[in-house]
Amino acid sequence: HFGGQDPGAFVSTSGGGVLRSSDTPAEAQ
């Protein structure tokens, strides 16, 4: 682990989002 805020210590975020065009916005949220 490189540490020290090196680019090699990058922590990648897996994301989740709701599409603006969703037909089921409440359930998607």
mmCIF file of all heavy atoms, coordinates in Angstrom:
data_MODEL
# 
_entry.id   MODEL 
# 
loop_
_atom_site.group_PDB 
_atom_site.id 
_atom_site.type_symbol 
_atom_site.label_atom_id 
_atom_site.label_alt_id 
_atom_site.label_comp_id 
_atom_site.label_asym_id 
_atom_site.label_entity_id 
_atom_site.label_seq_id 
_atom_site.pdbx_PDB_ins_code 
_atom_site.Cartn_x 
_atom_site.Cartn_y 
_atom_site.Cartn_z 
_atom_site.occupancy 
_atom_site.B_iso_or_equiv 
_atom_site.pdbx_formal_charge 
_atom_site.auth_seq_id 
_atom_site.auth_comp_id 
_atom_site.auth_asym_id 
_atom_site.auth_atom_id 
_atom_site.pdbx_PDB_model_num 
ATOM 1   N N   . HIS A 1 1  ? 0.852   -1.182 0.000   1.00 0.00 ? 1  HIS A N   1 
ATOM 2   C CA  . HIS A 1 1  ? 0.000   0.000  0.000   1.00 0.00 ? 1  HIS A CA  1 
ATOM 3   C C   . HIS A 1 1  ? 0.892   1.237  0.000   1.00 0.00 ? 1  HIS A C   1 
ATOM 4   O O   . HIS A 1 1  ? 1.705   1.422  0.908   1.00 0.00 ? 1  HIS A O   1 
ATOM 5   C CB  . HIS A 1 1  ? -0.901  0.003  1.237   1.00 0.00 ? 1  HIS A CB  1 
ATOM 6   C CG  . HIS A 1 1  ? -1.885  -1.134 1.278   1.00 0.00 ? 1  HIS A CG  1 
ATOM 7   N ND1 . HIS A 1 1  ? -3.178  -1.024 0.819   1.00 0.00 ? 1  HIS A ND1 1 
ATOM 8   C CD2 . HIS A 1 1  ? -1.756  -2.403 1.738   1.00 0.00 ? 1  HIS A CD2 1 
ATOM 9   C CE1 . HIS A 1 1  ? -3.819  -2.171 0.995   1.00 0.00 ? 1  HIS A CE1 1 
ATOM 10  N NE2 . HIS A 1 1  ? -2.973  -3.029 1.536   1.00 0.00 ? 1  HIS A NE2 1 
ATOM 11  N N   . PHE A 1 2  ? 0.730   2.094  -0.982  1.00 0.00 ? 2  PHE A N   1 
ATOM 12  C CA  . PHE A 1 2  ? 1.611   3.260  -1.091  1.00 0.00 ? 2  PHE A CA  1 
ATOM 13  C C   . PHE A 1 2  ? 1.370   4.277  0.019   1.00 0.00 ? 2  PHE A C   1 
ATOM 14  O O   . PHE A 1 2  ? 2.306   4.827  0.582   1.00 0.00 ? 2  PHE A O   1 
ATOM 15  C CB  . PHE A 1 2  ? 1.436   3.923  -2.465  1.00 0.00 ? 2  PHE A CB  1 
ATOM 16  C CG  . PHE A 1 2  ? 2.005   3.133  -3.598  1.00 0.00 ? 2  PHE A CG  1 
ATOM 17  C CD1 . PHE A 1 2  ? 1.187   2.369  -4.415  1.00 0.00 ? 2  PHE A CD1 1 
ATOM 18  C CD2 . PHE A 1 2  ? 3.364   3.135  -3.847  1.00 0.00 ? 2  PHE A CD2 1 
ATOM 19  C CE1 . PHE A 1 2  ? 1.710   1.634  -5.462  1.00 0.00 ? 2  PHE A CE1 1 
ATOM 20  C CE2 . PHE A 1 2  ? 3.908   2.399  -4.889  1.00 0.00 ? 2  PHE A CE2 1 
ATOM 21  C CZ  . PHE A 1 2  ? 3.072   1.643  -5.704  1.00 0.00 ? 2  PHE A CZ  1 
ATOM 22  N N   . GLY A 1 3  ? 0.108   4.544  0.339   1.00 0.00 ? 3  GLY A N   1 
ATOM 23  C CA  . GLY A 1 3  ? -0.192  5.487  1.416   1.00 0.00 ? 3  GLY A CA  1 
ATOM 24  C C   . GLY A 1 3  ? 0.262   6.906  1.102   1.00 0.00 ? 3  GLY A C   1 
ATOM 25  O O   . GLY A 1 3  ? 0.629   7.246  -0.036  1.00 0.00 ? 3  GLY A O   1 
ATOM 26  N N   . GLY A 1 4  ? 0.245   7.750  2.119   1.00 0.00 ? 4  GLY A N   1 
ATOM 27  C CA  . GLY A 1 4  ? 0.770   9.114  2.002   1.00 0.00 ? 4  GLY A CA  1 
ATOM 28  C C   . GLY A 1 4  ? 0.095   9.965  0.960   1.00 0.00 ? 4  GLY A C   1 
ATOM 29  O O   . GLY A 1 4  ? 0.710   10.897 0.421   1.00 0.00 ? 4  GLY A O   1 
ATOM 30  N N   . GLN A 1 5  ? -1.161  9.687  0.627   1.00 0.00 ? 5  GLN A N   1 
ATOM 31  C CA  . GLN A 1 5  ? -1.921  10.418 -0.389  1.00 0.00 ? 5  GLN A CA  1 
ATOM 32  C C   . GLN A 1 5  ? -1.266  10.350 -1.774  1.00 0.00 ? 5  GLN A C   1 
ATOM 33  O O   . GLN A 1 5  ? -1.494  11.194 -2.635  1.00 0.00 ? 5  GLN A O   1 
ATOM 34  C CB  . GLN A 1 5  ? -2.147  11.880 0.027   1.00 0.00 ? 5  GLN A CB  1 
ATOM 35  C CG  . GLN A 1 5  ? -2.959  11.999 1.309   1.00 0.00 ? 5  GLN A CG  1 
ATOM 36  C CD  . GLN A 1 5  ? -3.364  13.415 1.634   1.00 0.00 ? 5  GLN A CD  1 
ATOM 37  O OE1 . GLN A 1 5  ? -2.866  14.383 1.063   1.00 0.00 ? 5  GLN A OE1 1 
ATOM 38  N NE2 . GLN A 1 5  ? -4.279  13.554 2.575   1.00 0.00 ? 5  GLN A NE2 1 
ATOM 39  N N   . ASP A 1 6  ? -0.463  9.324  -1.979  1.00 0.00 ? 6  ASP A N   1 
ATOM 40  C CA  . ASP A 1 6  ? 0.107   9.067  -3.301  1.00 0.00 ? 6  ASP A CA  1 
ATOM 41  C C   . ASP A 1 6  ? -1.008  8.672  -4.260  1.00 0.00 ? 6  ASP A C   1 
ATOM 42  O O   . ASP A 1 6  ? -2.008  8.084  -3.833  1.00 0.00 ? 6  ASP A O   1 
ATOM 43  C CB  . ASP A 1 6  ? 1.130   7.931  -3.202  1.00 0.00 ? 6  ASP A CB  1 
ATOM 44  C CG  . ASP A 1 6  ? 1.910   7.723  -4.478  1.00 0.00 ? 6  ASP A CG  1 
ATOM 45  O OD1 . ASP A 1 6  ? 2.851   8.500  -4.720  1.00 0.00 ? 6  ASP A OD1 1 
ATOM 46  O OD2 . ASP A 1 6  ? 1.577   6.789  -5.245  1.00 0.00 ? 6  ASP A OD2 1 
ATOM 47  N N   . PRO A 1 7  ? -0.871  8.975  -5.571  1.00 0.00 ? 7  PRO A N   1 
ATOM 48  C CA  . PRO A 1 7  ? -1.879  8.481  -6.513  1.00 0.00 ? 7  PRO A CA  1 
ATOM 49  C C   . PRO A 1 7  ? -2.063  6.971  -6.454  1.00 0.00 ? 7  PRO A C   1 
ATOM 50  O O   . PRO A 1 7  ? -3.149  6.458  -6.733  1.00 0.00 ? 7  PRO A O   1 
ATOM 51  C CB  . PRO A 1 7  ? -1.335  8.917  -7.878  1.00 0.00 ? 7  PRO A CB  1 
ATOM 52  C CG  . PRO A 1 7  ? -0.440  10.060 -7.588  1.00 0.00 ? 7  PRO A CG  1 
ATOM 53  C CD  . PRO A 1 7  ? 0.146   9.808  -6.229  1.00 0.00 ? 7  PRO A CD  1 
ATOM 54  N N   . GLY A 1 8  ? -1.002  6.262  -6.068  1.00 0.00 ? 8  GLY A N   1 
ATOM 55  C CA  . GLY A 1 8  ? -1.082  4.820  -5.934  1.00 0.00 ? 8  GLY A CA  1 
ATOM 56  C C   . GLY A 1 8  ? -1.867  4.345  -4.729  1.00 0.00 ? 8  GLY A C   1 
ATOM 57  O O   . GLY A 1 8  ? -2.078  3.145  -4.571  1.00 0.00 ? 8  GLY A O   1 
ATOM 58  N N   . ALA A 1 9  ? -2.298  5.292  -3.880  1.00 0.00 ? 9  ALA A N   1 
ATOM 59  C CA  . ALA A 1 9  ? -3.164  4.954  -2.744  1.00 0.00 ? 9  ALA A CA  1 
ATOM 60  C C   . ALA A 1 9  ? -4.621  5.277  -3.058  1.00 0.00 ? 9  ALA A C   1 
ATOM 61  O O   . ALA A 1 9  ? -5.466  5.264  -2.155  1.00 0.00 ? 9  ALA A O   1 
ATOM 62  C CB  . ALA A 1 9  ? -2.720  5.715  -1.499  1.00 0.00 ? 9  ALA A CB  1 
ATOM 63  N N   . PHE A 1 10 ? -4.915  5.537  -4.320  1.00 0.00 ? 10 PHE A N   1 
ATOM 64  C CA  . PHE A 1 10 ? -6.270  5.890  -4.742  1.00 0.00 ? 10 PHE A CA  1 
ATOM 65  C C   . PHE A 1 10 ? -7.282  4.840  -4.312  1.00 0.00 ? 10 PHE A C   1 
ATOM 66  O O   . PHE A 1 10 ? -7.082  3.642  -4.500  1.00 0.00 ? 10 PHE A O   1 
ATOM 67  C CB  . PHE A 1 10 ? -6.277  6.027  -6.269  1.00 0.00 ? 10 PHE A CB  1 
ATOM 68  C CG  . PHE A 1 10 ? -7.636  6.092  -6.907  1.00 0.00 ? 10 PHE A CG  1 
ATOM 69  C CD1 . PHE A 1 10 ? -8.521  7.110  -6.604  1.00 0.00 ? 10 PHE A CD1 1 
ATOM 70  C CD2 . PHE A 1 10 ? -8.022  5.134  -7.833  1.00 0.00 ? 10 PHE A CD2 1 
ATOM 71  C CE1 . PHE A 1 10 ? -9.770  7.171  -7.209  1.00 0.00 ? 10 PHE A CE1 1 
ATOM 72  C CE2 . PHE A 1 10 ? -9.254  5.187  -8.459  1.00 0.00 ? 10 PHE A CE2 1 
ATOM 73  C CZ  . PHE A 1 10 ? -10.131 6.205  -8.139  1.00 0.00 ? 10 PHE A CZ  1 
ATOM 74  N N   . VAL A 1 11 ? -8.375  5.300  -3.717  1.00 0.00 ? 11 VAL A N   1 
ATOM 75  C CA  . VAL A 1 11 ? -9.500  4.435  -3.368  1.00 0.00 ? 11 VAL A CA  1 
ATOM 76  C C   . VAL A 1 11 ? -10.640 4.768  -4.323  1.00 0.00 ? 11 VAL A C   1 
ATOM 77  O O   . VAL A 1 11 ? -11.157 5.883  -4.330  1.00 0.00 ? 11 VAL A O   1 
ATOM 78  C CB  . VAL A 1 11 ? -9.932  4.632  -1.905  1.00 0.00 ? 11 VAL A CB  1 
ATOM 79  C CG1 . VAL A 1 11 ? -11.221 3.878  -1.622  1.00 0.00 ? 11 VAL A CG1 1 
ATOM 80  C CG2 . VAL A 1 11 ? -8.832  4.157  -0.962  1.00 0.00 ? 11 VAL A CG2 1 
ATOM 81  N N   . SER A 1 12 ? -11.005 3.805  -5.140  1.00 0.00 ? 12 SER A N   1 
ATOM 82  C CA  . SER A 1 12 ? -12.033 4.012  -6.154  1.00 0.00 ? 12 SER A CA  1 
ATOM 83  C C   . SER A 1 12 ? -13.423 3.786  -5.557  1.00 0.00 ? 12 SER A C   1 
ATOM 84  O O   . SER A 1 12 ? -13.644 2.822  -4.826  1.00 0.00 ? 12 SER A O   1 
ATOM 85  C CB  . SER A 1 12 ? -11.819 3.043  -7.323  1.00 0.00 ? 12 SER A CB  1 
ATOM 86  O OG  . SER A 1 12 ? -12.800 3.236  -8.319  1.00 0.00 ? 12 SER A OG  1 
ATOM 87  N N   . THR A 1 13 ? -14.338 4.687  -5.890  1.00 0.00 ? 13 THR A N   1 
ATOM 88  C CA  . THR A 1 13 ? -15.701 4.612  -5.379  1.00 0.00 ? 13 THR A CA  1 
ATOM 89  C C   . THR A 1 13 ? -16.610 3.924  -6.377  1.00 0.00 ? 13 THR A C   1 
ATOM 90  O O   . THR A 1 13 ? -16.705 4.330  -7.537  1.00 0.00 ? 13 THR A O   1 
ATOM 91  C CB  . THR A 1 13 ? -16.246 6.026  -5.105  1.00 0.00 ? 13 THR A CB  1 
ATOM 92  O OG1 . THR A 1 13 ? -15.396 6.692  -4.166  1.00 0.00 ? 13 THR A OG1 1 
ATOM 93  C CG2 . THR A 1 13 ? -17.658 5.969  -4.549  1.00 0.00 ? 13 THR A CG2 1 
ATOM 94  N N   . SER A 1 14 ? -17.277 2.885  -5.927  1.00 0.00 ? 14 SER A N   1 
ATOM 95  C CA  . SER A 1 14 ? -18.347 2.264  -6.706  1.00 0.00 ? 14 SER A CA  1 
ATOM 96  C C   . SER A 1 14 ? -19.616 3.059  -6.424  1.00 0.00 ? 14 SER A C   1 
ATOM 97  O O   . SER A 1 14 ? -19.977 3.257  -5.262  1.00 0.00 ? 14 SER A O   1 
ATOM 98  C CB  . SER A 1 14 ? -18.545 0.811  -6.291  1.00 0.00 ? 14 SER A CB  1 
ATOM 99  O OG  . SER A 1 14 ? -17.354 0.075  -6.438  1.00 0.00 ? 14 SER A OG  1 
ATOM 100 N N   . GLY A 1 15 ? -20.293 3.516  -7.467  1.00 0.00 ? 15 GLY A N   1 
ATOM 101 C CA  . GLY A 1 15 ? -21.402 4.432  -7.265  1.00 0.00 ? 15 GLY A CA  1 
ATOM 102 C C   . GLY A 1 15 ? -22.763 3.859  -7.570  1.00 0.00 ? 15 GLY A C   1 
ATOM 103 O O   . GLY A 1 15 ? -22.903 2.824  -8.230  1.00 0.00 ? 15 GLY A O   1 
ATOM 104 N N   . GLY A 1 16 ? -23.779 4.568  -7.086  1.00 0.00 ? 16 GLY A N   1 
ATOM 105 C CA  . GLY A 1 16 ? -25.159 4.250  -7.395  1.00 0.00 ? 16 GLY A CA  1 
ATOM 106 C C   . GLY A 1 16 ? -25.959 5.518  -7.592  1.00 0.00 ? 16 GLY A C   1 
ATOM 107 O O   . GLY A 1 16 ? -25.802 6.481  -6.831  1.00 0.00 ? 16 GLY A O   1 
ATOM 108 N N   . GLY A 1 17 ? -26.780 5.559  -8.636  1.00 0.00 ? 17 GLY A N   1 
ATOM 109 C CA  . GLY A 1 17 ? -27.583 6.739  -8.911  1.00 0.00 ? 17 GLY A CA  1 
ATOM 110 C C   . GLY A 1 17 ? -28.920 6.372  -9.518  1.00 0.00 ? 17 GLY A C   1 
ATOM 111 O O   . GLY A 1 17 ? -29.095 5.280  -10.071 1.00 0.00 ? 17 GLY A O   1 
ATOM 112 N N   . VAL A 1 18 ? -29.865 7.297  -9.423  1.00 0.00 ? 18 VAL A N   1 
ATOM 113 C CA  . VAL A 1 18 ? -31.213 7.125  -9.954  1.00 0.00 ? 18 VAL A CA  1 
ATOM 114 C C   . VAL A 1 18 ? -31.336 7.934  -11.236 1.00 0.00 ? 18 VAL A C   1 
ATOM 115 O O   . VAL A 1 18 ? -31.003 9.127  -11.262 1.00 0.00 ? 18 VAL A O   1 
ATOM 116 C CB  . VAL A 1 18 ? -32.271 7.598  -8.939  1.00 0.00 ? 18 VAL A CB  1 
ATOM 117 C CG1 . VAL A 1 18 ? -33.674 7.571  -9.548  1.00 0.00 ? 18 VAL A CG1 1 
ATOM 118 C CG2 . VAL A 1 18 ? -32.219 6.745  -7.675  1.00 0.00 ? 18 VAL A CG2 1 
ATOM 119 N N   . LEU A 1 19 ? -31.809 7.300  -12.288 1.00 0.00 ? 19 LEU A N   1 
ATOM 120 C CA  . LEU A 1 19 ? -31.974 7.993  -13.564 1.00 0.00 ? 19 LEU A CA  1 
ATOM 121 C C   . LEU A 1 19 ? -33.135 8.991  -13.488 1.00 0.00 ? 19 LEU A C   1 
ATOM 122 O O   . LEU A 1 19 ? -34.196 8.682  -12.946 1.00 0.00 ? 19 LEU A O   1 
ATOM 123 C CB  . LEU A 1 19 ? -32.209 6.993  -14.692 1.00 0.00 ? 19 LEU A CB  1 
ATOM 124 C CG  . LEU A 1 19 ? -30.965 6.385  -15.355 1.00 0.00 ? 19 LEU A CG  1 
ATOM 125 C CD1 . LEU A 1 19 ? -30.130 7.465  -16.031 1.00 0.00 ? 19 LEU A CD1 1 
ATOM 126 C CD2 . LEU A 1 19 ? -30.105 5.634  -14.331 1.00 0.00 ? 19 LEU A CD2 1 
ATOM 127 N N   . ARG A 1 20 ? -32.911 10.167 -14.032 1.00 0.00 ? 20 ARG A N   1 
ATOM 128 C CA  . ARG A 1 20 ? -33.941 11.206 -14.046 1.00 0.00 ? 20 ARG A CA  1 
ATOM 129 C C   . ARG A 1 20 ? -35.189 10.727 -14.786 1.00 0.00 ? 20 ARG A C   1 
ATOM 130 O O   . ARG A 1 20 ? -36.312 11.154 -14.498 1.00 0.00 ? 20 ARG A O   1 
ATOM 131 C CB  . ARG A 1 20 ? -33.371 12.460 -14.704 1.00 0.00 ? 20 ARG A CB  1 
ATOM 132 C CG  . ARG A 1 20 ? -34.212 13.717 -14.525 1.00 0.00 ? 20 ARG A CG  1 
ATOM 133 C CD  . ARG A 1 20 ? -33.547 14.925 -15.176 1.00 0.00 ? 20 ARG A CD  1 
ATOM 134 N NE  . ARG A 1 20 ? -32.304 15.273 -14.515 1.00 0.00 ? 20 ARG A NE  1 
ATOM 135 C CZ  . ARG A 1 20 ? -32.222 16.054 -13.427 1.00 0.00 ? 20 ARG A CZ  1 
ATOM 136 N NH1 . ARG A 1 20 ? -33.323 16.539 -12.888 1.00 0.00 ? 20 ARG A NH1 1 
ATOM 137 N NH2 . ARG A 1 20 ? -31.055 16.343 -12.892 1.00 0.00 ? 20 ARG A NH2 1 
ATOM 138 N N   . SER A 1 21 ? -35.013 9.833  -15.741 1.00 0.00 ? 21 SER A N   1 
ATOM 139 C CA  . SER A 1 21 ? -36.119 9.346  -16.563 1.00 0.00 ? 21 SER A CA  1 
ATOM 140 C C   . SER A 1 21 ? -36.836 8.141  -15.957 1.00 0.00 ? 21 SER A C   1 
ATOM 141 O O   . SER A 1 21 ? -37.722 7.566  -16.587 1.00 0.00 ? 21 SER A O   1 
ATOM 142 C CB  . SER A 1 21 ? -35.590 8.963  -17.949 1.00 0.00 ? 21 SER A CB  1 
ATOM 143 O OG  . SER A 1 21 ? -34.546 7.991  -17.834 1.00 0.00 ? 21 SER A OG  1 
ATOM 144 N N   . SER A 1 22 ? -36.482 7.753  -14.732 1.00 0.00 ? 22 SER A N   1 
ATOM 145 C CA  . SER A 1 22 ? -37.051 6.556  -14.122 1.00 0.00 ? 22 SER A CA  1 
ATOM 146 C C   . SER A 1 22 ? -38.574 6.619  -14.047 1.00 0.00 ? 22 SER A C   1 
ATOM 147 O O   . SER A 1 22 ? -39.158 7.651  -13.702 1.00 0.00 ? 22 SER A O   1 
ATOM 148 C CB  . SER A 1 22 ? -36.486 6.381  -12.705 1.00 0.00 ? 22 SER A CB  1 
ATOM 149 O OG  . SER A 1 22 ? -37.171 5.359  -12.014 1.00 0.00 ? 22 SER A OG  1 
ATOM 150 N N   . ASP A 1 23 ? -39.217 5.481  -14.338 1.00 0.00 ? 23 ASP A N   1 
ATOM 151 C CA  . ASP A 1 23 ? -40.668 5.355  -14.193 1.00 0.00 ? 23 ASP A CA  1 
ATOM 152 C C   . ASP A 1 23 ? -41.070 5.005  -12.757 1.00 0.00 ? 23 ASP A C   1 
ATOM 153 O O   . ASP A 1 23 ? -42.261 5.050  -12.420 1.00 0.00 ? 23 ASP A O   1 
ATOM 154 C CB  . ASP A 1 23 ? -41.200 4.261  -15.128 1.00 0.00 ? 23 ASP A CB  1 
ATOM 155 C CG  . ASP A 1 23 ? -41.075 4.639  -16.599 1.00 0.00 ? 23 ASP A CG  1 
ATOM 156 O OD1 . ASP A 1 23 ? -41.113 5.849  -16.901 1.00 0.00 ? 23 ASP A OD1 1 
ATOM 157 O OD2 . ASP A 1 23 ? -40.930 3.728  -17.425 1.00 0.00 ? 23 ASP A OD2 1 
ATOM 158 N N   . THR A 1 24 ? -40.095 4.626  -11.945 1.00 0.00 ? 24 THR A N   1 
ATOM 159 C CA  . THR A 1 24 ? -40.374 4.250  -10.555 1.00 0.00 ? 24 THR A CA  1 
ATOM 160 C C   . THR A 1 24 ? -39.424 5.011  -9.631  1.00 0.00 ? 24 THR A C   1 
ATOM 161 O O   . THR A 1 24 ? -38.618 4.411  -8.916  1.00 0.00 ? 24 THR A O   1 
ATOM 162 C CB  . THR A 1 24 ? -40.211 2.740  -10.352 1.00 0.00 ? 24 THR A CB  1 
ATOM 163 O OG1 . THR A 1 24 ? -38.863 2.365  -10.745 1.00 0.00 ? 24 THR A OG1 1 
ATOM 164 C CG2 . THR A 1 24 ? -41.208 1.951  -11.183 1.00 0.00 ? 24 THR A CG2 1 
ATOM 165 N N   . PRO A 1 25 ? -39.484 6.330  -9.628  1.00 0.00 ? 25 PRO A N   1 
ATOM 166 C CA  . PRO A 1 25 ? -38.474 7.115  -8.903  1.00 0.00 ? 25 PRO A CA  1 
ATOM 167 C C   . PRO A 1 25 ? -38.447 6.861  -7.403  1.00 0.00 ? 25 PRO A C   1 
ATOM 168 O O   . PRO A 1 25 ? -37.364 6.839  -6.801  1.00 0.00 ? 25 PRO A O   1 
ATOM 169 C CB  . PRO A 1 25 ? -38.846 8.569  -9.224  1.00 0.00 ? 25 PRO A CB  1 
ATOM 170 C CG  . PRO A 1 25 ? -40.288 8.517  -9.632  1.00 0.00 ? 25 PRO A CG  1 
ATOM 171 C CD  . PRO A 1 25 ? -40.463 7.192  -10.315 1.00 0.00 ? 25 PRO A CD  1 
ATOM 172 N N   . ALA A 1 26 ? -39.608 6.686  -6.790  1.00 0.00 ? 26 ALA A N   1 
ATOM 173 C CA  . ALA A 1 26 ? -39.618 6.469  -5.337  1.00 0.00 ? 26 ALA A CA  1 
ATOM 174 C C   . ALA A 1 26 ? -38.916 5.160  -4.987  1.00 0.00 ? 26 ALA A C   1 
ATOM 175 O O   . ALA A 1 26 ? -38.091 5.099  -4.057  1.00 0.00 ? 26 ALA A O   1 
ATOM 176 C CB  . ALA A 1 26 ? -41.050 6.467  -4.823  1.00 0.00 ? 26 ALA A CB  1 
ATOM 177 N N   . GLU A 1 27 ? -39.232 4.094  -5.716  1.00 0.00 ? 27 GLU A N   1 
ATOM 178 C CA  . GLU A 1 27 ? -38.616 2.792  -5.442  1.00 0.00 ? 27 GLU A CA  1 
ATOM 179 C C   . GLU A 1 27 ? -37.138 2.788  -5.831  1.00 0.00 ? 27 GLU A C   1 
ATOM 180 O O   . GLU A 1 27 ? -36.321 2.125  -5.170  1.00 0.00 ? 27 GLU A O   1 
ATOM 181 C CB  . GLU A 1 27 ? -39.370 1.696  -6.187  1.00 0.00 ? 27 GLU A CB  1 
ATOM 182 C CG  . GLU A 1 27 ? -40.781 1.437  -5.677  1.00 0.00 ? 27 GLU A CG  1 
ATOM 183 C CD  . GLU A 1 27 ? -41.808 2.477  -6.149  1.00 0.00 ? 27 GLU A CD  1 
ATOM 184 O OE1 . GLU A 1 27 ? -41.483 3.285  -7.066  1.00 0.00 ? 27 GLU A OE1 1 
ATOM 185 O OE2 . GLU A 1 27 ? -42.924 2.482  -5.623  1.00 0.00 ? 27 GLU A OE2 1 
ATOM 186 N N   . ALA A 1 28 ? -36.788 3.517  -6.890  1.00 0.00 ? 28 ALA A N   1 
ATOM 187 C CA  . ALA A 1 28 ? -35.384 3.612  -7.289  1.00 0.00 ? 28 ALA A CA  1 
ATOM 188 C C   . ALA A 1 28 ? -34.572 4.318  -6.202  1.00 0.00 ? 28 ALA A C   1 
ATOM 189 O O   . ALA A 1 28 ? -33.453 3.898  -5.871  1.00 0.00 ? 28 ALA A O   1 
ATOM 190 C CB  . ALA A 1 28 ? -35.273 4.356  -8.619  1.00 0.00 ? 28 ALA A CB  1 
ATOM 191 N N   . GLN A 1 29 ? -35.122 5.380  -5.635  1.00 0.00 ? 29 GLN A N   1 
ATOM 192 C CA  . GLN A 1 29 ? -34.444 6.056  -4.527  1.00 0.00 ? 29 GLN A CA  1 
ATOM 193 C C   . GLN A 1 29 ? -34.308 5.121  -3.332  1.00 0.00 ? 29 GLN A C   1 
ATOM 194 O O   . GLN A 1 29 ? -33.270 5.112  -2.644  1.00 0.00 ? 29 GLN A O   1 
ATOM 195 C CB  . GLN A 1 29 ? -35.225 7.312  -4.124  1.00 0.00 ? 29 GLN A CB  1 
ATOM 196 C CG  . GLN A 1 29 ? -35.221 8.439  -5.153  1.00 0.00 ? 29 GLN A CG  1 
ATOM 197 C CD  . GLN A 1 29 ? -33.963 9.283  -5.113  1.00 0.00 ? 29 GLN A CD  1 
ATOM 198 O OE1 . GLN A 1 29 ? -33.130 9.163  -4.219  1.00 0.00 ? 29 GLN A OE1 1 
ATOM 199 N NE2 . GLN A 1 29 ? -33.822 10.172 -6.099  1.00 0.00 ? 29 GLN A NE2 1 
# 
